[in-house]
């Protein structure tokens, strides 16, 4: 019985390794900045602040290889490193989390594209600068908004001696639904990521 269990385990490991070798998994970590655009109307007395500026660390995960094609899935989250001031009496931190369909065509041996689009959630946590001073009272609140996103990145295998590593300049567009806390639901995030791929340079 023990020999059968060992043989079964060895077969399972072999099959998993064979499956994984035909697929591609990527892990990325990066940094970016945020910019939003809105048409300001002079007929409106109250203008919400712009969701812009700041440094945004990000982490992501890719899977490529559906039916041996260059299509796959991407999951990523990015958050503002330092909180920003919201009208001077509270701070806030945006977080963008999304899941995307990914197409990753190769252009040359070392150069490729990451084209993606999907949906996600734009979250904001607002922290009051002063304590409410009442037992059971919280001094923060949060909001979540559904969003669609599009992204493009240029993937470059920059070092032949480390064939699994790549660098990726990228830009993301978020269309945030009902983003009433800020002056626009159209937000761009531009930055660069460093990644590790299970598939080395061929």
N, C-alpha and C. Protein backbone atom coordinates (compact mmCIF):
# COMPACT_ATOMS: atom_id res chain seq x y z
N UNK A 1 0.82 -1.20 0.00
CA UNK A 1 0.00 0.00 0.00
C UNK A 1 0.87 1.26 0.00
N UNK A 2 1.95 1.24 0.79
CA UNK A 2 2.83 2.39 0.85
C UNK A 2 3.52 2.61 -0.49
N UNK A 3 3.94 1.50 -1.15
CA UNK A 3 4.57 1.62 -2.46
C UNK A 3 3.60 2.22 -3.48
N UNK A 4 2.33 1.80 -3.40
CA UNK A 4 1.31 2.33 -4.32
C UNK A 4 1.12 3.82 -4.09
N UNK A 5 1.11 4.25 -2.81
CA UNK A 5 0.95 5.67 -2.50
C UNK A 5 2.13 6.47 -3.02
N UNK A 6 3.36 5.93 -2.87
CA UNK A 6 4.53 6.62 -3.37
C UNK A 6 4.50 6.73 -4.89
N UNK A 7 4.08 5.64 -5.56
CA UNK A 7 3.98 5.66 -7.01
C UNK A 7 2.94 6.65 -7.48
N UNK A 8 1.80 6.71 -6.79
CA UNK A 8 0.74 7.66 -7.13
C UNK A 8 1.22 9.10 -6.96
N UNK A 9 1.94 9.36 -5.85
CA UNK A 9 2.47 10.70 -5.60
C UNK A 9 3.48 11.10 -6.67
N UNK A 10 4.34 10.18 -7.06
CA UNK A 10 5.34 10.48 -8.09
C UNK A 10 4.67 10.78 -9.42
N UNK A 11 3.62 10.03 -9.76
CA UNK A 11 2.88 10.28 -11.00
C UNK A 11 2.20 11.63 -10.96
N UNK A 12 1.61 11.99 -9.82
CA UNK A 12 0.93 13.28 -9.69
C UNK A 12 1.92 14.43 -9.86
N UNK A 13 3.11 14.30 -9.23
CA UNK A 13 4.13 15.34 -9.37
C UNK A 13 4.58 15.45 -10.82
N UNK A 14 4.75 14.32 -11.49
CA UNK A 14 5.18 14.34 -12.90
C UNK A 14 4.13 15.00 -13.79
N UNK A 15 2.86 14.66 -13.58
CA UNK A 15 1.79 15.25 -14.39
C UNK A 15 1.68 16.74 -14.14
N UNK A 16 1.80 17.16 -12.87
CA UNK A 16 1.73 18.59 -12.56
C UNK A 16 2.89 19.34 -13.21
N UNK A 17 4.09 18.76 -13.13
CA UNK A 17 5.25 19.41 -13.75
C UNK A 17 5.08 19.51 -15.26
N UNK A 18 4.53 18.46 -15.87
CA UNK A 18 4.31 18.49 -17.32
C UNK A 18 3.29 19.55 -17.69
N UNK A 19 2.22 19.66 -16.87
CA UNK A 19 1.19 20.68 -17.14
C UNK A 19 1.76 22.08 -16.95
N UNK A 20 2.51 22.28 -15.85
CA UNK A 20 3.04 23.60 -15.55
C UNK A 20 4.05 24.05 -16.59
N UNK A 21 4.80 23.09 -17.15
CA UNK A 21 5.81 23.47 -18.13
C UNK A 21 5.18 24.00 -19.40
N UNK A 22 3.93 23.63 -19.68
CA UNK A 22 3.25 24.11 -20.89
C UNK A 22 2.53 25.43 -20.65
N UNK A 23 2.52 25.89 -19.42
CA UNK A 23 1.83 27.12 -19.08
C UNK A 23 2.85 28.19 -18.71
N UNK A 24 2.36 29.42 -18.56
CA UNK A 24 3.22 30.53 -18.14
C UNK A 24 2.57 31.25 -16.98
N UNK A 25 3.33 31.45 -15.92
CA UNK A 25 2.88 32.20 -14.76
C UNK A 25 3.85 33.35 -14.53
N UNK A 26 3.32 34.54 -14.29
CA UNK A 26 4.14 35.72 -14.05
C UNK A 26 3.74 36.34 -12.72
N UNK A 27 4.73 36.88 -12.02
CA UNK A 27 4.50 37.68 -10.82
C UNK A 27 5.17 39.03 -11.04
N UNK A 28 4.46 40.11 -10.76
CA UNK A 28 5.00 41.45 -10.99
C UNK A 28 4.85 42.31 -9.74
N UNK A 29 5.77 43.25 -9.60
CA UNK A 29 5.70 44.28 -8.55
C UNK A 29 6.19 45.57 -9.17
N UNK A 30 5.49 46.67 -8.88
CA UNK A 30 5.87 47.91 -9.54
C UNK A 30 5.47 49.15 -8.77
N UNK A 31 5.65 50.28 -9.43
CA UNK A 31 5.28 51.58 -8.88
C UNK A 31 4.72 52.46 -9.98
N UNK A 32 3.82 53.37 -9.63
CA UNK A 32 3.17 54.19 -10.64
C UNK A 32 2.65 55.47 -10.01
N UNK A 33 2.16 56.37 -10.86
CA UNK A 33 1.52 57.60 -10.41
C UNK A 33 0.12 57.65 -11.01
N UNK A 34 -0.74 58.49 -10.42
CA UNK A 34 -2.14 58.56 -10.82
C UNK A 34 -2.45 59.95 -11.37
N UNK A 35 -3.32 59.98 -12.38
CA UNK A 35 -3.77 61.24 -12.97
C UNK A 35 -5.22 61.10 -13.39
N UNK A 36 -6.06 62.09 -13.03
CA UNK A 36 -7.45 62.09 -13.46
C UNK A 36 -7.74 63.37 -14.23
N UNK A 37 -8.73 63.27 -15.11
CA UNK A 37 -9.09 64.42 -15.96
C UNK A 37 -10.58 64.66 -15.84
N UNK A 38 -10.95 65.94 -15.70
CA UNK A 38 -12.37 66.31 -15.61
C UNK A 38 -12.55 67.69 -16.21
N UNK A 39 -13.71 67.90 -16.82
CA UNK A 39 -14.07 69.21 -17.34
C UNK A 39 -14.74 70.00 -16.23
N UNK A 40 -14.07 71.06 -15.77
CA UNK A 40 -14.58 71.86 -14.65
C UNK A 40 -15.60 72.87 -15.17
N UNK A 41 -16.77 72.88 -14.55
CA UNK A 41 -17.83 73.79 -14.94
C UNK A 41 -17.92 74.95 -13.95
N UNK A 42 -17.90 76.18 -14.45
CA UNK A 42 -18.01 77.35 -13.58
C UNK A 42 -19.39 77.52 -12.99
N UNK A 43 -20.38 76.79 -13.54
CA UNK A 43 -21.75 76.91 -13.03
C UNK A 43 -21.96 76.12 -11.74
N UNK A 44 -20.97 75.28 -11.39
CA UNK A 44 -21.06 74.47 -10.18
C UNK A 44 -20.22 75.12 -9.09
N UNK A 45 -20.82 75.39 -7.94
CA UNK A 45 -20.11 76.05 -6.86
C UNK A 45 -19.18 75.11 -6.10
N UNK A 46 -19.57 73.85 -6.02
CA UNK A 46 -18.77 72.88 -5.26
C UNK A 46 -18.10 71.92 -6.23
N UNK A 47 -16.78 71.86 -6.20
CA UNK A 47 -16.03 70.95 -7.04
C UNK A 47 -15.31 69.93 -6.16
N UNK A 48 -15.63 68.64 -6.28
CA UNK A 48 -14.89 67.63 -5.53
C UNK A 48 -13.42 67.65 -5.94
N UNK A 49 -12.53 67.21 -5.06
CA UNK A 49 -11.10 67.21 -5.40
C UNK A 49 -10.78 66.19 -6.48
N UNK A 50 -9.63 66.37 -7.10
CA UNK A 50 -9.16 65.42 -8.12
C UNK A 50 -8.44 64.25 -7.45
N UNK A 51 -8.74 63.05 -7.91
CA UNK A 51 -8.06 61.85 -7.44
C UNK A 51 -6.79 61.70 -8.28
N UNK A 52 -5.72 62.37 -7.87
CA UNK A 52 -4.52 62.43 -8.70
C UNK A 52 -3.29 62.51 -7.83
N UNK A 53 -2.12 62.25 -8.43
CA UNK A 53 -0.86 62.33 -7.71
C UNK A 53 -0.60 61.12 -6.84
N UNK A 54 0.51 61.18 -6.11
CA UNK A 54 0.87 60.09 -5.20
C UNK A 54 1.63 58.97 -5.89
N UNK A 55 2.29 58.14 -5.08
CA UNK A 55 3.01 56.97 -5.54
C UNK A 55 2.17 55.73 -5.22
N UNK A 56 2.01 54.85 -6.22
CA UNK A 56 1.17 53.67 -6.09
C UNK A 56 2.00 52.40 -6.28
N UNK A 57 2.36 51.70 -5.20
CA UNK A 57 2.93 50.35 -5.37
C UNK A 57 1.85 49.43 -5.94
N UNK A 58 2.28 48.38 -6.63
CA UNK A 58 1.34 47.43 -7.20
C UNK A 58 1.95 46.03 -7.20
N UNK A 59 1.08 45.03 -7.12
CA UNK A 59 1.48 43.64 -7.28
C UNK A 59 0.49 42.98 -8.23
N UNK A 60 0.98 42.04 -9.04
CA UNK A 60 0.11 41.40 -10.01
C UNK A 60 0.51 39.96 -10.26
N UNK A 61 -0.42 39.24 -10.87
CA UNK A 61 -0.22 37.82 -11.21
C UNK A 61 -0.84 37.56 -12.58
N UNK A 62 -0.09 36.90 -13.46
CA UNK A 62 -0.57 36.55 -14.79
C UNK A 62 -0.56 35.04 -14.98
N UNK A 63 -1.54 34.57 -15.72
CA UNK A 63 -1.54 33.20 -16.22
C UNK A 63 -1.76 33.27 -17.72
N UNK A 64 -0.88 32.66 -18.50
CA UNK A 64 -0.97 32.70 -19.96
C UNK A 64 -0.86 31.28 -20.49
N UNK A 65 -1.70 30.95 -21.48
CA UNK A 65 -1.58 29.64 -22.11
C UNK A 65 -2.87 28.88 -22.28
N UNK A 66 -4.02 29.58 -22.35
CA UNK A 66 -5.27 28.88 -22.60
C UNK A 66 -5.23 28.23 -23.98
N UNK A 67 -5.39 26.92 -24.02
CA UNK A 67 -5.38 26.15 -25.27
C UNK A 67 -4.14 26.45 -26.11
N UNK A 68 -3.01 26.63 -25.40
CA UNK A 68 -1.71 26.87 -26.04
C UNK A 68 -1.70 28.13 -26.88
N UNK A 69 -2.44 29.15 -26.44
CA UNK A 69 -2.44 30.45 -27.11
C UNK A 69 -1.76 31.45 -26.20
N UNK A 70 -1.70 32.69 -26.63
CA UNK A 70 -1.12 33.77 -25.83
C UNK A 70 -2.18 34.50 -25.02
N UNK A 71 -3.35 33.89 -24.84
CA UNK A 71 -4.41 34.47 -24.02
C UNK A 71 -4.30 33.95 -22.59
N UNK A 72 -4.73 34.78 -21.65
CA UNK A 72 -4.68 34.37 -20.26
C UNK A 72 -5.48 35.30 -19.37
N UNK A 73 -5.13 35.29 -18.09
CA UNK A 73 -5.80 36.10 -17.08
C UNK A 73 -4.78 36.92 -16.31
N UNK A 74 -5.20 38.07 -15.85
CA UNK A 74 -4.36 38.95 -15.04
C UNK A 74 -5.14 39.41 -13.82
N UNK A 75 -4.48 39.42 -12.67
CA UNK A 75 -5.05 39.95 -11.43
C UNK A 75 -4.04 40.94 -10.86
N UNK A 76 -4.53 42.11 -10.45
CA UNK A 76 -3.61 43.14 -9.98
C UNK A 76 -4.29 44.03 -8.95
N UNK A 77 -3.50 44.54 -8.03
CA UNK A 77 -3.98 45.54 -7.09
C UNK A 77 -2.91 46.61 -6.92
N UNK A 78 -3.35 47.87 -6.81
CA UNK A 78 -2.46 49.01 -6.62
C UNK A 78 -3.07 49.92 -5.56
N UNK A 79 -2.25 50.49 -4.71
CA UNK A 79 -2.75 51.33 -3.63
C UNK A 79 -1.82 52.52 -3.44
N UNK A 80 -2.38 53.61 -2.94
CA UNK A 80 -1.57 54.80 -2.68
C UNK A 80 -0.71 54.57 -1.45
N UNK A 81 0.60 54.83 -1.60
CA UNK A 81 1.55 54.53 -0.52
C UNK A 81 1.31 55.44 0.69
N UNK A 82 1.23 56.74 0.47
CA UNK A 82 0.92 57.69 1.53
C UNK A 82 -0.50 58.20 1.37
N UNK A 83 -1.21 58.35 2.47
CA UNK A 83 -2.54 58.92 2.41
C UNK A 83 -2.50 60.36 1.91
N UNK A 84 -3.58 60.78 1.27
CA UNK A 84 -3.71 62.16 0.80
C UNK A 84 -4.77 62.86 1.64
N UNK A 85 -4.71 64.19 1.64
CA UNK A 85 -5.66 64.99 2.40
C UNK A 85 -6.94 65.20 1.61
N UNK A 86 -8.07 65.04 2.27
CA UNK A 86 -9.38 65.26 1.67
C UNK A 86 -10.03 66.45 2.36
N UNK A 87 -9.92 67.62 1.75
CA UNK A 87 -10.44 68.88 2.30
C UNK A 87 -9.82 69.27 3.63
N UNK A 88 -8.71 68.67 4.00
CA UNK A 88 -7.99 69.11 5.19
C UNK A 88 -8.47 68.55 6.51
N UNK A 89 -9.63 67.88 6.55
CA UNK A 89 -10.11 67.37 7.83
C UNK A 89 -10.14 65.84 7.90
N UNK A 90 -9.76 65.17 6.81
CA UNK A 90 -9.62 63.72 6.83
C UNK A 90 -8.65 63.29 5.73
N UNK A 91 -8.07 62.12 5.91
CA UNK A 91 -7.15 61.56 4.92
C UNK A 91 -7.83 60.40 4.21
N UNK A 92 -7.33 60.08 3.02
CA UNK A 92 -7.90 58.96 2.28
C UNK A 92 -6.80 58.20 1.56
N UNK A 93 -7.07 56.93 1.26
CA UNK A 93 -6.16 56.09 0.50
C UNK A 93 -6.95 55.28 -0.53
N UNK A 94 -6.75 55.54 -1.84
CA UNK A 94 -7.42 54.74 -2.88
C UNK A 94 -6.71 53.40 -3.08
N UNK A 95 -7.51 52.39 -3.42
CA UNK A 95 -7.01 51.05 -3.75
C UNK A 95 -7.76 50.58 -4.99
N UNK A 96 -7.01 50.14 -6.00
CA UNK A 96 -7.61 49.64 -7.25
C UNK A 96 -7.29 48.16 -7.39
N UNK A 97 -8.33 47.34 -7.47
CA UNK A 97 -8.17 45.90 -7.62
C UNK A 97 -8.98 45.43 -8.82
N UNK A 98 -8.35 44.67 -9.72
CA UNK A 98 -9.05 44.29 -10.95
C UNK A 98 -8.64 42.90 -11.42
N UNK A 99 -9.52 42.31 -12.22
CA UNK A 99 -9.28 41.02 -12.89
C UNK A 99 -9.51 41.24 -14.38
N UNK A 100 -8.58 40.73 -15.20
CA UNK A 100 -8.60 41.07 -16.62
C UNK A 100 -8.37 39.85 -17.50
N UNK A 101 -8.90 39.95 -18.72
CA UNK A 101 -8.50 39.05 -19.80
C UNK A 101 -7.21 39.61 -20.39
N UNK A 102 -6.23 38.75 -20.60
CA UNK A 102 -4.89 39.18 -21.01
C UNK A 102 -4.52 38.56 -22.35
N UNK A 103 -3.99 39.37 -23.25
CA UNK A 103 -3.40 38.89 -24.51
C UNK A 103 -1.95 39.35 -24.53
N UNK A 104 -1.05 38.41 -24.74
CA UNK A 104 0.38 38.70 -24.59
C UNK A 104 1.15 38.29 -25.86
N UNK A 105 1.02 39.07 -26.95
CA UNK A 105 1.74 38.72 -28.18
C UNK A 105 3.24 39.00 -28.05
N UNK A 106 4.03 38.17 -28.72
CA UNK A 106 5.47 38.38 -28.78
C UNK A 106 5.81 39.18 -30.03
N UNK A 107 6.66 40.19 -29.86
CA UNK A 107 7.12 40.99 -30.99
C UNK A 107 8.48 40.52 -31.48
N UNK A 108 9.40 40.33 -30.56
CA UNK A 108 10.72 39.78 -30.86
C UNK A 108 11.06 38.78 -29.76
N UNK A 109 12.30 38.28 -29.79
CA UNK A 109 12.73 37.32 -28.77
C UNK A 109 12.66 37.91 -27.37
N UNK A 110 12.99 39.21 -27.23
CA UNK A 110 13.03 39.84 -25.92
C UNK A 110 11.89 40.82 -25.67
N UNK A 111 11.10 41.12 -26.69
CA UNK A 111 10.11 42.19 -26.58
C UNK A 111 8.71 41.64 -26.84
N UNK A 112 7.73 42.10 -26.04
CA UNK A 112 6.35 41.70 -26.21
C UNK A 112 5.40 42.73 -25.64
N UNK A 113 4.11 42.49 -25.82
CA UNK A 113 3.08 43.38 -25.33
C UNK A 113 2.21 42.67 -24.31
N UNK A 114 1.67 43.43 -23.38
CA UNK A 114 0.63 42.97 -22.46
C UNK A 114 -0.60 43.83 -22.71
N UNK A 115 -1.63 43.26 -23.33
CA UNK A 115 -2.88 43.97 -23.61
C UNK A 115 -3.96 43.35 -22.75
N UNK A 116 -4.67 44.16 -21.97
CA UNK A 116 -5.63 43.61 -21.03
C UNK A 116 -6.83 44.51 -20.83
N UNK A 117 -7.92 43.92 -20.47
CA UNK A 117 -9.14 44.64 -20.17
C UNK A 117 -10.01 43.81 -19.24
N UNK A 118 -10.71 44.49 -18.33
CA UNK A 118 -11.54 43.75 -17.40
C UNK A 118 -12.33 44.64 -16.48
N UNK A 119 -12.64 44.13 -15.31
CA UNK A 119 -13.45 44.85 -14.33
C UNK A 119 -12.79 44.74 -12.97
N UNK A 120 -13.24 45.60 -12.05
CA UNK A 120 -12.68 45.57 -10.72
C UNK A 120 -13.41 46.48 -9.76
N UNK A 121 -12.74 46.82 -8.67
CA UNK A 121 -13.31 47.65 -7.61
C UNK A 121 -12.32 48.74 -7.25
N UNK A 122 -12.80 49.97 -7.23
CA UNK A 122 -12.03 51.11 -6.72
C UNK A 122 -12.51 51.38 -5.29
N UNK A 123 -11.62 51.20 -4.34
CA UNK A 123 -11.97 51.36 -2.92
C UNK A 123 -11.27 52.60 -2.36
N UNK A 124 -11.96 53.28 -1.45
CA UNK A 124 -11.38 54.42 -0.76
C UNK A 124 -11.65 54.28 0.74
N UNK A 125 -10.61 54.48 1.52
CA UNK A 125 -10.79 54.53 2.98
C UNK A 125 -10.51 55.95 3.43
N UNK A 126 -11.46 56.53 4.14
CA UNK A 126 -11.34 57.89 4.64
C UNK A 126 -11.16 57.84 6.16
N UNK A 127 -10.09 58.46 6.65
CA UNK A 127 -9.79 58.48 8.09
C UNK A 127 -9.88 59.92 8.60
N UNK A 128 -10.71 60.13 9.62
CA UNK A 128 -10.78 61.45 10.25
C UNK A 128 -9.49 61.74 10.99
N UNK A 129 -9.07 63.00 10.98
CA UNK A 129 -7.82 63.37 11.63
C UNK A 129 -7.94 63.43 13.14
N UNK A 130 -9.17 63.53 13.66
CA UNK A 130 -9.38 63.59 15.10
C UNK A 130 -10.25 62.42 15.54
N UNK A 131 -10.06 62.00 16.77
CA UNK A 131 -10.84 60.90 17.32
C UNK A 131 -12.23 61.39 17.72
N UNK A 132 -13.23 60.51 17.55
CA UNK A 132 -14.59 60.92 17.90
C UNK A 132 -14.80 60.94 19.42
N UNK A 133 -13.99 60.19 20.20
CA UNK A 133 -14.04 60.27 21.66
C UNK A 133 -15.23 59.60 22.30
N UNK A 134 -16.00 58.82 21.56
CA UNK A 134 -17.17 58.12 22.10
C UNK A 134 -16.91 56.62 22.01
N UNK A 135 -17.15 55.86 23.09
CA UNK A 135 -16.92 54.41 23.04
C UNK A 135 -17.73 53.77 21.90
N UNK A 136 -17.07 52.93 21.14
CA UNK A 136 -17.72 52.24 20.04
C UNK A 136 -17.78 53.04 18.75
N UNK A 137 -17.31 54.28 18.79
CA UNK A 137 -17.33 55.14 17.60
C UNK A 137 -16.08 54.90 16.77
N UNK A 138 -16.22 54.84 15.46
CA UNK A 138 -15.09 54.69 14.56
C UNK A 138 -14.81 56.03 13.87
N UNK A 139 -13.54 56.28 13.59
CA UNK A 139 -13.16 57.54 12.95
C UNK A 139 -12.75 57.33 11.49
N UNK A 140 -13.32 56.33 10.86
CA UNK A 140 -13.04 56.09 9.45
C UNK A 140 -14.30 55.58 8.76
N UNK A 141 -14.31 55.71 7.44
CA UNK A 141 -15.38 55.16 6.62
C UNK A 141 -14.78 54.73 5.29
N UNK A 142 -15.51 53.96 4.54
CA UNK A 142 -15.00 53.46 3.27
C UNK A 142 -16.07 53.48 2.20
N UNK A 143 -15.62 53.45 0.96
CA UNK A 143 -16.55 53.38 -0.17
C UNK A 143 -15.94 52.50 -1.25
N UNK A 144 -16.79 51.77 -1.96
CA UNK A 144 -16.37 50.89 -3.05
C UNK A 144 -17.17 51.21 -4.29
N UNK A 145 -16.48 51.25 -5.43
CA UNK A 145 -17.13 51.56 -6.70
C UNK A 145 -16.71 50.54 -7.75
N UNK A 146 -17.70 50.05 -8.49
CA UNK A 146 -17.40 49.16 -9.62
C UNK A 146 -16.68 49.95 -10.70
N UNK A 147 -15.74 49.30 -11.38
CA UNK A 147 -15.01 50.00 -12.44
C UNK A 147 -14.67 49.04 -13.58
N UNK A 148 -14.48 49.61 -14.77
CA UNK A 148 -13.92 48.89 -15.89
C UNK A 148 -12.51 49.42 -16.11
N UNK A 149 -11.65 48.57 -16.68
CA UNK A 149 -10.28 49.03 -16.89
C UNK A 149 -9.70 48.46 -18.18
N UNK A 150 -8.76 49.23 -18.76
CA UNK A 150 -8.00 48.82 -19.93
C UNK A 150 -6.53 49.08 -19.63
N UNK A 151 -5.65 48.24 -20.17
CA UNK A 151 -4.23 48.44 -19.90
C UNK A 151 -3.37 47.97 -21.05
N UNK A 152 -2.21 48.60 -21.18
CA UNK A 152 -1.21 48.18 -22.16
C UNK A 152 0.16 48.32 -21.52
N UNK A 153 1.01 47.34 -21.76
CA UNK A 153 2.37 47.36 -21.25
C UNK A 153 3.32 46.81 -22.30
N UNK A 154 4.56 47.25 -22.23
CA UNK A 154 5.61 46.76 -23.13
C UNK A 154 6.58 45.94 -22.29
N UNK A 155 6.62 44.65 -22.58
CA UNK A 155 7.42 43.71 -21.80
C UNK A 155 8.80 43.53 -22.46
N UNK A 156 9.86 43.71 -21.66
CA UNK A 156 11.20 43.61 -22.21
C UNK A 156 12.06 42.72 -21.33
N UNK A 157 12.63 41.67 -21.92
CA UNK A 157 13.58 40.79 -21.23
C UNK A 157 14.96 41.44 -21.33
N UNK A 158 15.35 42.13 -20.28
CA UNK A 158 16.49 43.03 -20.38
C UNK A 158 17.84 42.38 -20.12
N UNK A 159 17.89 41.17 -19.58
CA UNK A 159 19.17 40.58 -19.22
C UNK A 159 19.16 39.10 -19.58
N UNK A 160 20.03 38.73 -20.52
CA UNK A 160 20.05 37.35 -21.00
C UNK A 160 20.52 36.38 -19.92
N UNK A 161 21.34 36.85 -18.98
CA UNK A 161 21.85 35.98 -17.92
C UNK A 161 20.78 35.66 -16.88
N UNK A 162 19.72 36.47 -16.84
CA UNK A 162 18.58 36.18 -15.97
C UNK A 162 17.33 36.12 -16.86
N UNK A 163 17.17 35.02 -17.58
CA UNK A 163 16.15 34.96 -18.65
C UNK A 163 14.71 34.96 -18.16
N UNK A 164 14.49 34.78 -16.86
CA UNK A 164 13.12 34.77 -16.34
C UNK A 164 12.62 36.17 -15.96
N UNK A 165 13.52 37.14 -15.87
CA UNK A 165 13.14 38.49 -15.44
C UNK A 165 12.74 39.36 -16.62
N UNK A 166 11.82 40.29 -16.37
CA UNK A 166 11.43 41.26 -17.39
C UNK A 166 11.04 42.57 -16.71
N UNK A 167 11.09 43.65 -17.49
CA UNK A 167 10.65 44.96 -17.04
C UNK A 167 9.51 45.39 -17.94
N UNK A 168 8.51 46.10 -17.39
CA UNK A 168 7.31 46.43 -18.16
C UNK A 168 6.82 47.84 -17.87
N UNK A 169 7.17 48.82 -18.71
CA UNK A 169 6.48 50.12 -18.65
C UNK A 169 5.02 49.92 -19.03
N UNK A 170 4.10 50.61 -18.35
CA UNK A 170 2.67 50.32 -18.56
C UNK A 170 1.81 51.52 -18.24
N UNK A 171 0.59 51.48 -18.76
CA UNK A 171 -0.41 52.49 -18.44
C UNK A 171 -1.75 51.80 -18.30
N UNK A 172 -2.54 52.26 -17.33
CA UNK A 172 -3.89 51.73 -17.09
C UNK A 172 -4.91 52.86 -17.13
N UNK A 173 -6.07 52.53 -17.68
CA UNK A 173 -7.20 53.45 -17.66
C UNK A 173 -8.32 52.82 -16.85
N UNK A 174 -8.84 53.56 -15.86
CA UNK A 174 -9.96 53.11 -15.04
C UNK A 174 -11.17 53.99 -15.30
N UNK A 175 -12.31 53.37 -15.56
CA UNK A 175 -13.58 54.10 -15.62
C UNK A 175 -14.38 53.71 -14.39
N UNK A 176 -14.42 54.60 -13.41
CA UNK A 176 -15.00 54.31 -12.10
C UNK A 176 -16.44 54.78 -12.07
N UNK A 177 -17.36 53.88 -11.76
CA UNK A 177 -18.78 54.21 -11.73
C UNK A 177 -19.14 55.00 -10.47
N UNK A 178 -19.93 56.05 -10.66
CA UNK A 178 -20.46 56.84 -9.53
C UNK A 178 -19.35 57.30 -8.57
N UNK A 179 -18.27 57.81 -9.13
CA UNK A 179 -17.13 58.24 -8.32
C UNK A 179 -17.38 59.65 -7.78
N UNK A 180 -18.43 59.80 -6.98
CA UNK A 180 -18.89 61.13 -6.57
C UNK A 180 -17.97 61.80 -5.57
N UNK A 181 -17.07 61.03 -4.91
CA UNK A 181 -16.15 61.66 -3.95
C UNK A 181 -15.09 62.52 -4.65
N UNK A 182 -14.91 62.29 -5.96
CA UNK A 182 -13.88 63.00 -6.70
C UNK A 182 -14.47 63.60 -7.97
N UNK A 183 -13.68 64.45 -8.63
CA UNK A 183 -14.24 65.23 -9.74
C UNK A 183 -14.32 64.48 -11.06
N UNK A 184 -13.85 63.23 -11.10
CA UNK A 184 -13.89 62.48 -12.35
C UNK A 184 -13.89 60.98 -12.09
N UNK A 185 -14.57 60.27 -12.97
CA UNK A 185 -14.51 58.81 -12.94
C UNK A 185 -13.53 58.25 -13.95
N UNK A 186 -12.79 59.13 -14.63
CA UNK A 186 -11.79 58.71 -15.61
C UNK A 186 -10.40 58.93 -15.03
N UNK A 187 -9.71 57.84 -14.74
CA UNK A 187 -8.44 57.89 -14.04
C UNK A 187 -7.41 57.08 -14.82
N UNK A 188 -6.19 57.63 -14.91
CA UNK A 188 -5.09 56.94 -15.57
C UNK A 188 -3.99 56.67 -14.55
N UNK A 189 -3.37 55.51 -14.67
CA UNK A 189 -2.23 55.15 -13.82
C UNK A 189 -1.09 54.71 -14.72
N UNK A 190 0.05 55.37 -14.61
CA UNK A 190 1.21 55.08 -15.45
C UNK A 190 2.40 54.75 -14.57
N UNK A 191 3.15 53.71 -14.96
CA UNK A 191 4.29 53.32 -14.15
C UNK A 191 5.11 52.25 -14.81
N UNK A 192 5.84 51.51 -13.98
CA UNK A 192 6.72 50.45 -14.47
C UNK A 192 6.73 49.31 -13.46
N UNK A 193 6.82 48.08 -13.97
CA UNK A 193 6.84 46.90 -13.12
C UNK A 193 8.04 46.03 -13.43
N UNK A 194 8.52 45.33 -12.42
CA UNK A 194 9.54 44.31 -12.60
C UNK A 194 8.88 42.98 -12.36
N UNK A 195 9.12 42.01 -13.27
CA UNK A 195 8.42 40.74 -13.16
C UNK A 195 9.31 39.53 -13.29
N UNK A 196 8.75 38.40 -12.86
CA UNK A 196 9.39 37.09 -12.99
C UNK A 196 8.43 36.18 -13.72
N UNK A 197 8.91 35.53 -14.78
CA UNK A 197 8.09 34.62 -15.57
C UNK A 197 8.65 33.21 -15.47
N UNK A 198 7.75 32.22 -15.41
CA UNK A 198 8.20 30.83 -15.39
C UNK A 198 8.74 30.37 -16.72
N UNK A 199 8.45 31.12 -17.78
CA UNK A 199 8.95 30.79 -19.12
C UNK A 199 10.12 31.71 -19.44
N UNK A 200 11.33 31.18 -19.59
CA UNK A 200 12.49 32.04 -19.87
C UNK A 200 12.54 32.47 -21.33
N UNK A 201 13.55 33.29 -21.65
CA UNK A 201 13.79 33.67 -23.04
C UNK A 201 14.08 32.40 -23.84
N UNK A 202 13.42 32.26 -24.97
CA UNK A 202 13.62 31.07 -25.79
C UNK A 202 14.92 31.15 -26.55
